[in-house]
Structure formats: C-alpha cells, structure tokens
Amino acid sequence: MPSLFRFLTVVAVIAGIIYGIIFALANFVNPKPREITVTIPADKFLKK
C-alpha cells in the first residue's frame, strides 16, 4: 500500500508541474500581433 501512495504522490507532483507550466505560458507569454493578408480566389464569389 505505501507504494500506491508513493505512485499517486509522484503523479500528483508531475501533474502540478505541468499545470504550473501551462499557467505560466498562458499568463506570461505574449504573442506578437501582426497583420495577415489572405487572398480569396474570384470563383468563391460567383454564384452557381
């Protein structure tokens, strides 16, 4: 039974580290805004 508690503790610590990394990426990394130009072919506008 102690090995089960040790395993669950290790899994909980790893999950906490992953959650912390995702939280830090979501809050402290800012993407660079840039303009995007998309060309649409003329046949997309023609009604059939």
PDB file of N, CA and C in Angstrom:
ATOM      1  N   MET A   1       0.814  -1.211   0.000  1.00  0.00           N
ATOM      2  CA  MET A   1       0.000   0.000   0.000  1.00  0.00           C
ATOM      3  C   MET A   1       0.855   1.272   0.000  1.00  0.00           C
ATOM      4  N   PRO A   2       2.004   1.295   0.678  1.00  0.00           N
ATOM      5  CA  PRO A   2       2.821   2.518   0.615  1.00  0.00           C
ATOM      6  C   PRO A   2       3.305   2.836  -0.802  1.00  0.00           C
ATOM      7  N   SER A   3       3.519   1.794  -1.620  1.00  0.00           N
ATOM      8  CA  SER A   3       3.959   2.077  -2.988  1.00  0.00           C
ATOM      9  C   SER A   3       2.849   2.756  -3.796  1.00  0.00           C
ATOM     10  N   LEU A   4       1.598   2.447  -3.493  1.00  0.00           N
ATOM     11  CA  LEU A   4       0.483   3.120  -4.165  1.00  0.00           C
ATOM     12  C   LEU A   4       0.462   4.597  -3.800  1.00  0.00           C
ATOM     13  N   PHE A   5       0.643   4.910  -2.526  1.00  0.00           N
ATOM     14  CA  PHE A   5       0.674   6.314  -2.102  1.00  0.00           C
ATOM     15  C   PHE A   5       1.858   7.040  -2.717  1.00  0.00           C
ATOM     16  N   ARG A   6       2.993   6.372  -2.820  1.00  0.00           N
ATOM     17  CA  ARG A   6       4.172   6.979  -3.436  1.00  0.00           C
ATOM     18  C   ARG A   6       3.898   7.252  -4.910  1.00  0.00           C
ATOM     19  N   PHE A   7       3.287   6.299  -5.591  1.00  0.00           N
ATOM     20  CA  PHE A   7       2.950   6.472  -7.006  1.00  0.00           C
ATOM     21  C   PHE A   7       1.980   7.632  -7.197  1.00  0.00           C
ATOM     22  N   LEU A   8       0.928   7.677  -6.389  1.00  0.00           N
ATOM     23  CA  LEU A   8      -0.048   8.766  -6.513  1.00  0.00           C
ATOM     24  C   LEU A   8       0.577  10.116  -6.205  1.00  0.00           C
ATOM     25  N   THR A   9       1.508  10.145  -5.258  1.00  0.00           N
ATOM     26  CA  THR A   9       2.195  11.393  -4.938  1.00  0.00           C
ATOM     27  C   THR A   9       3.049  11.857  -6.114  1.00  0.00           C
ATOM     28  N   VAL A  10       3.765  10.932  -6.735  1.00  0.00           N
ATOM     29  CA  VAL A  10       4.595  11.281  -7.894  1.00  0.00           C
ATOM     30  C   VAL A  10       3.720  11.765  -9.041  1.00  0.00           C
ATOM     31  N   VAL A  11       2.614  11.091  -9.293  1.00  0.00           N
ATOM     32  CA  VAL A  11       1.702  11.515 -10.370  1.00  0.00           C
ATOM     33  C   VAL A  11       1.123  12.902 -10.061  1.00  0.00           C
ATOM     34  N   ALA A  12       0.765  13.153  -8.803  1.00  0.00           N
ATOM     35  CA  ALA A  12       0.217  14.458  -8.430  1.00  0.00           C
ATOM     36  C   ALA A  12       1.262  15.559  -8.591  1.00  0.00           C
ATOM     37  N   VAL A  13       2.500  15.283  -8.235  1.00  0.00           N
ATOM     38  CA  VAL A  13       3.563  16.287  -8.388  1.00  0.00           C
ATOM     39  C   VAL A  13       3.814  16.586  -9.860  1.00  0.00           C
ATOM     40  N   ILE A  14       3.860  15.559 -10.695  1.00  0.00           N
ATOM     41  CA  ILE A  14       4.065  15.761 -12.131  1.00  0.00           C
ATOM     42  C   ILE A  14       2.901  16.545 -12.731  1.00  0.00           C
ATOM     43  N   ALA A  15       1.675  16.218 -12.332  1.00  0.00           N
ATOM     44  CA  ALA A  15       0.507  16.954 -12.829  1.00  0.00           C
ATOM     45  C   ALA A  15       0.553  18.417 -12.384  1.00  0.00           C
ATOM     46  N   GLY A  16       1.001  18.661 -11.157  1.00  0.00           N
ATOM     47  CA  GLY A  16       1.127  20.035 -10.670  1.00  0.00           C
ATOM     48  C   GLY A  16       2.167  20.817 -11.442  1.00  0.00           C
ATOM     49  N   ILE A  17       3.282  20.175 -11.777  1.00  0.00           N
ATOM     50  CA  ILE A  17       4.318  20.857 -12.552  1.00  0.00           C
ATOM     51  C   ILE A  17       3.805  21.187 -13.946  1.00  0.00           C
ATOM     52  N   ILE A  18       3.109  20.256 -14.579  1.00  0.00           N
ATOM     53  CA  ILE A  18       2.553  20.502 -15.911  1.00  0.00           C
ATOM     54  C   ILE A  18       1.519  21.621 -15.863  1.00  0.00           C
ATOM     55  N   TYR A  19       0.681  21.618 -14.840  1.00  0.00           N
ATOM     56  CA  TYR A  19      -0.316  22.677 -14.694  1.00  0.00           C
ATOM     57  C   TYR A  19       0.367  24.031 -14.502  1.00  0.00           C
ATOM     58  N   GLY A  20       1.420  24.060 -13.718  1.00  0.00           N
ATOM     59  CA  GLY A  20       2.158  25.308 -13.500  1.00  0.00           C
ATOM     60  C   GLY A  20       2.792  25.827 -14.774  1.00  0.00           C
ATOM     61  N   ILE A  21       3.335  24.931 -15.593  1.00  0.00           N
ATOM     62  CA  ILE A  21       3.934  25.348 -16.861  1.00  0.00           C
ATOM     63  C   ILE A  21       2.876  25.920 -17.795  1.00  0.00           C
ATOM     64  N   ILE A  22       1.732  25.258 -17.879  1.00  0.00           N
ATOM     65  CA  ILE A  22       0.652  25.756 -18.746  1.00  0.00           C
ATOM     66  C   ILE A  22       0.137  27.098 -18.245  1.00  0.00           C
ATOM     67  N   PHE A  23       0.001  27.254 -16.933  1.00  0.00           N
ATOM     68  CA  PHE A  23      -0.451  28.526 -16.355  1.00  0.00           C
ATOM     69  C   PHE A  23       0.539  29.641 -16.672  1.00  0.00           C
ATOM     70  N   ALA A  24       1.832  29.350 -16.522  1.00  0.00           N
ATOM     71  CA  ALA A  24       2.848  30.362 -16.798  1.00  0.00           C
ATOM     72  C   ALA A  24       2.853  30.748 -18.276  1.00  0.00           C
ATOM     73  N   LEU A  25       2.727  29.766 -19.164  1.00  0.00           N
ATOM     74  CA  LEU A  25       2.687  30.081 -20.588  1.00  0.00           C
ATOM     75  C   LEU A  25       1.464  30.919 -20.949  1.00  0.00           C
ATOM     76  N   ALA A  26       0.341  30.624 -20.327  1.00  0.00           N
ATOM     77  CA  ALA A  26      -0.891  31.352 -20.652  1.00  0.00           C
ATOM     78  C   ALA A  26      -0.857  32.783 -20.139  1.00  0.00           C
ATOM     79  N   ASN A  27      -0.151  33.028 -19.044  1.00  0.00           N
ATOM     80  CA  ASN A  27      -0.210  34.355 -18.436  1.00  0.00           C
ATOM     81  C   ASN A  27       1.012  35.236 -18.689  1.00  0.00           C
ATOM     82  N   PHE A  28       2.158  34.655 -18.960  1.00  0.00           N
ATOM     83  CA  PHE A  28       3.375  35.460 -19.046  1.00  0.00           C
ATOM     84  C   PHE A  28       3.978  35.541 -20.441  1.00  0.00           C
ATOM     85  N   VAL A  29       3.474  34.782 -21.403  1.00  0.00           N
ATOM     86  CA  VAL A  29       3.994  34.830 -22.767  1.00  0.00           C
ATOM     87  C   VAL A  29       2.981  35.557 -23.634  1.00  0.00           C
ATOM     88  N   ASN A  30       3.408  36.651 -24.241  1.00  0.00           N
ATOM     89  CA  ASN A  30       2.517  37.443 -25.087  1.00  0.00           C
ATOM     90  C   ASN A  30       2.867  37.210 -26.546  1.00  0.00           C
ATOM     91  N   PRO A  31       1.891  36.842 -27.375  1.00  0.00           N
ATOM     92  CA  PRO A  31       2.171  36.663 -28.801  1.00  0.00           C
ATOM     93  C   PRO A  31       2.379  38.016 -29.480  1.00  0.00           C
ATOM     94  N   LYS A  32       3.175  38.023 -30.551  1.00  0.00           N
ATOM     95  CA  LYS A  32       3.409  39.249 -31.305  1.00  0.00           C
ATOM     96  C   LYS A  32       2.254  39.447 -32.287  1.00  0.00           C
ATOM     97  N   PRO A  33       1.514  40.550 -32.188  1.00  0.00           N
ATOM     98  CA  PRO A  33       0.441  40.789 -33.159  1.00  0.00           C
ATOM     99  C   PRO A  33       1.035  41.168 -34.522  1.00  0.00           C
ATOM    100  N   ARG A  34       0.428  40.680 -35.579  1.00  0.00           N
ATOM    101  CA  ARG A  34       0.870  41.006 -36.924  1.00  0.00           C
ATOM    102  C   ARG A  34      -0.319  40.937 -37.868  1.00  0.00           C
ATOM    103  N   GLU A  35      -0.171  41.607 -39.002  1.00  0.00           N
ATOM    104  CA  GLU A  35      -1.249  41.621 -39.982  1.00  0.00           C
ATOM    105  C   GLU A  35      -1.162  40.376 -40.852  1.00  0.00           C
ATOM    106  N   ILE A  36      -2.315  39.877 -41.238  1.00  0.00           N
ATOM    107  CA  ILE A  36      -2.386  38.698 -42.092  1.00  0.00           C
ATOM    108  C   ILE A  36      -3.207  39.056 -43.322  1.00  0.00           C
ATOM    109  N   THR A  37      -2.667  38.770 -44.488  1.00  0.00           N
ATOM    110  CA  THR A  37      -3.371  39.002 -45.744  1.00  0.00           C
ATOM    111  C   THR A  37      -3.693  37.655 -46.361  1.00  0.00           C
ATOM    112  N   VAL A  38      -4.981  37.449 -46.647  1.00  0.00           N
ATOM    113  CA  VAL A  38      -5.424  36.200 -47.248  1.00  0.00           C
ATOM    114  C   VAL A  38      -6.075  36.521 -48.573  1.00  0.00           C
ATOM    115  N   THR A  39      -5.590  35.905 -49.637  1.00  0.00           N
ATOM    116  CA  THR A  39      -6.210  36.118 -50.944  1.00  0.00           C
ATOM    117  C   THR A  39      -7.251  35.029 -51.182  1.00  0.00           C
ATOM    118  N   ILE A  40      -8.430  35.467 -51.609  1.00  0.00           N
ATOM    119  CA  ILE A  40      -9.534  34.544 -51.876  1.00  0.00           C
ATOM    120  C   ILE A  40      -9.748  34.499 -53.378  1.00  0.00           C
ATOM    121  N   PRO A  41      -9.769  33.321 -53.969  1.00  0.00           N
ATOM    122  CA  PRO A  41      -9.987  33.232 -55.423  1.00  0.00           C
ATOM    123  C   PRO A  41     -11.351  33.802 -55.818  1.00  0.00           C
ATOM    124  N   ALA A  42     -11.412  34.374 -57.031  1.00  0.00           N
ATOM    125  CA  ALA A  42     -12.646  35.017 -57.500  1.00  0.00           C
ATOM    126  C   ALA A  42     -13.778  34.023 -57.668  1.00  0.00           C
ATOM    127  N   ASP A  43     -13.480  32.764 -57.949  1.00  0.00           N
ATOM    128  CA  ASP A  43     -14.574  31.801 -58.166  1.00  0.00           C
ATOM    129  C   ASP A  43     -15.326  31.484 -56.888  1.00  0.00           C
ATOM    130  N   LYS A  44     -14.815  31.861 -55.756  1.00  0.00           N
ATOM    131  CA  LYS A  44     -15.549  31.670 -54.485  1.00  0.00           C
ATOM    132  C   LYS A  44     -16.740  32.636 -54.394  1.00  0.00           C
ATOM    133  N   PHE A  45     -16.666  33.764 -55.114  1.00  0.00           N
ATOM    134  CA  PHE A  45     -17.732  34.758 -55.037  1.00  0.00           C
ATOM    135  C   PHE A  45     -18.828  34.526 -56.089  1.00  0.00           C
ATOM    136  N   LEU A  46     -18.527  33.739 -57.120  1.00  0.00           N
ATOM    137  CA  LEU A  46     -19.508  33.524 -58.179  1.00  0.00           C
ATOM    138  C   LEU A  46     -20.571  32.545 -57.737  1.00  0.00           C
ATOM    139  N   LYS A  47     -21.838  32.903 -57.990  1.00  0.00           N
ATOM    140  CA  LYS A  47     -22.943  32.009 -57.653  1.00  0.00           C
ATOM    141  C   LYS A  47     -23.140  31.018 -58.784  1.00  0.00           C
ATOM    142  N   LYS A  48     -23.422  29.802 -58.424  1.00  0.00           N
ATOM    143  CA  LYS A  48     -23.626  28.773 -59.457  1.00  0.00           C
ATOM    144  C   LYS A  48     -25.097  28.464 -59.631  1.00  0.00           C
TER     145      LYS A  48
END
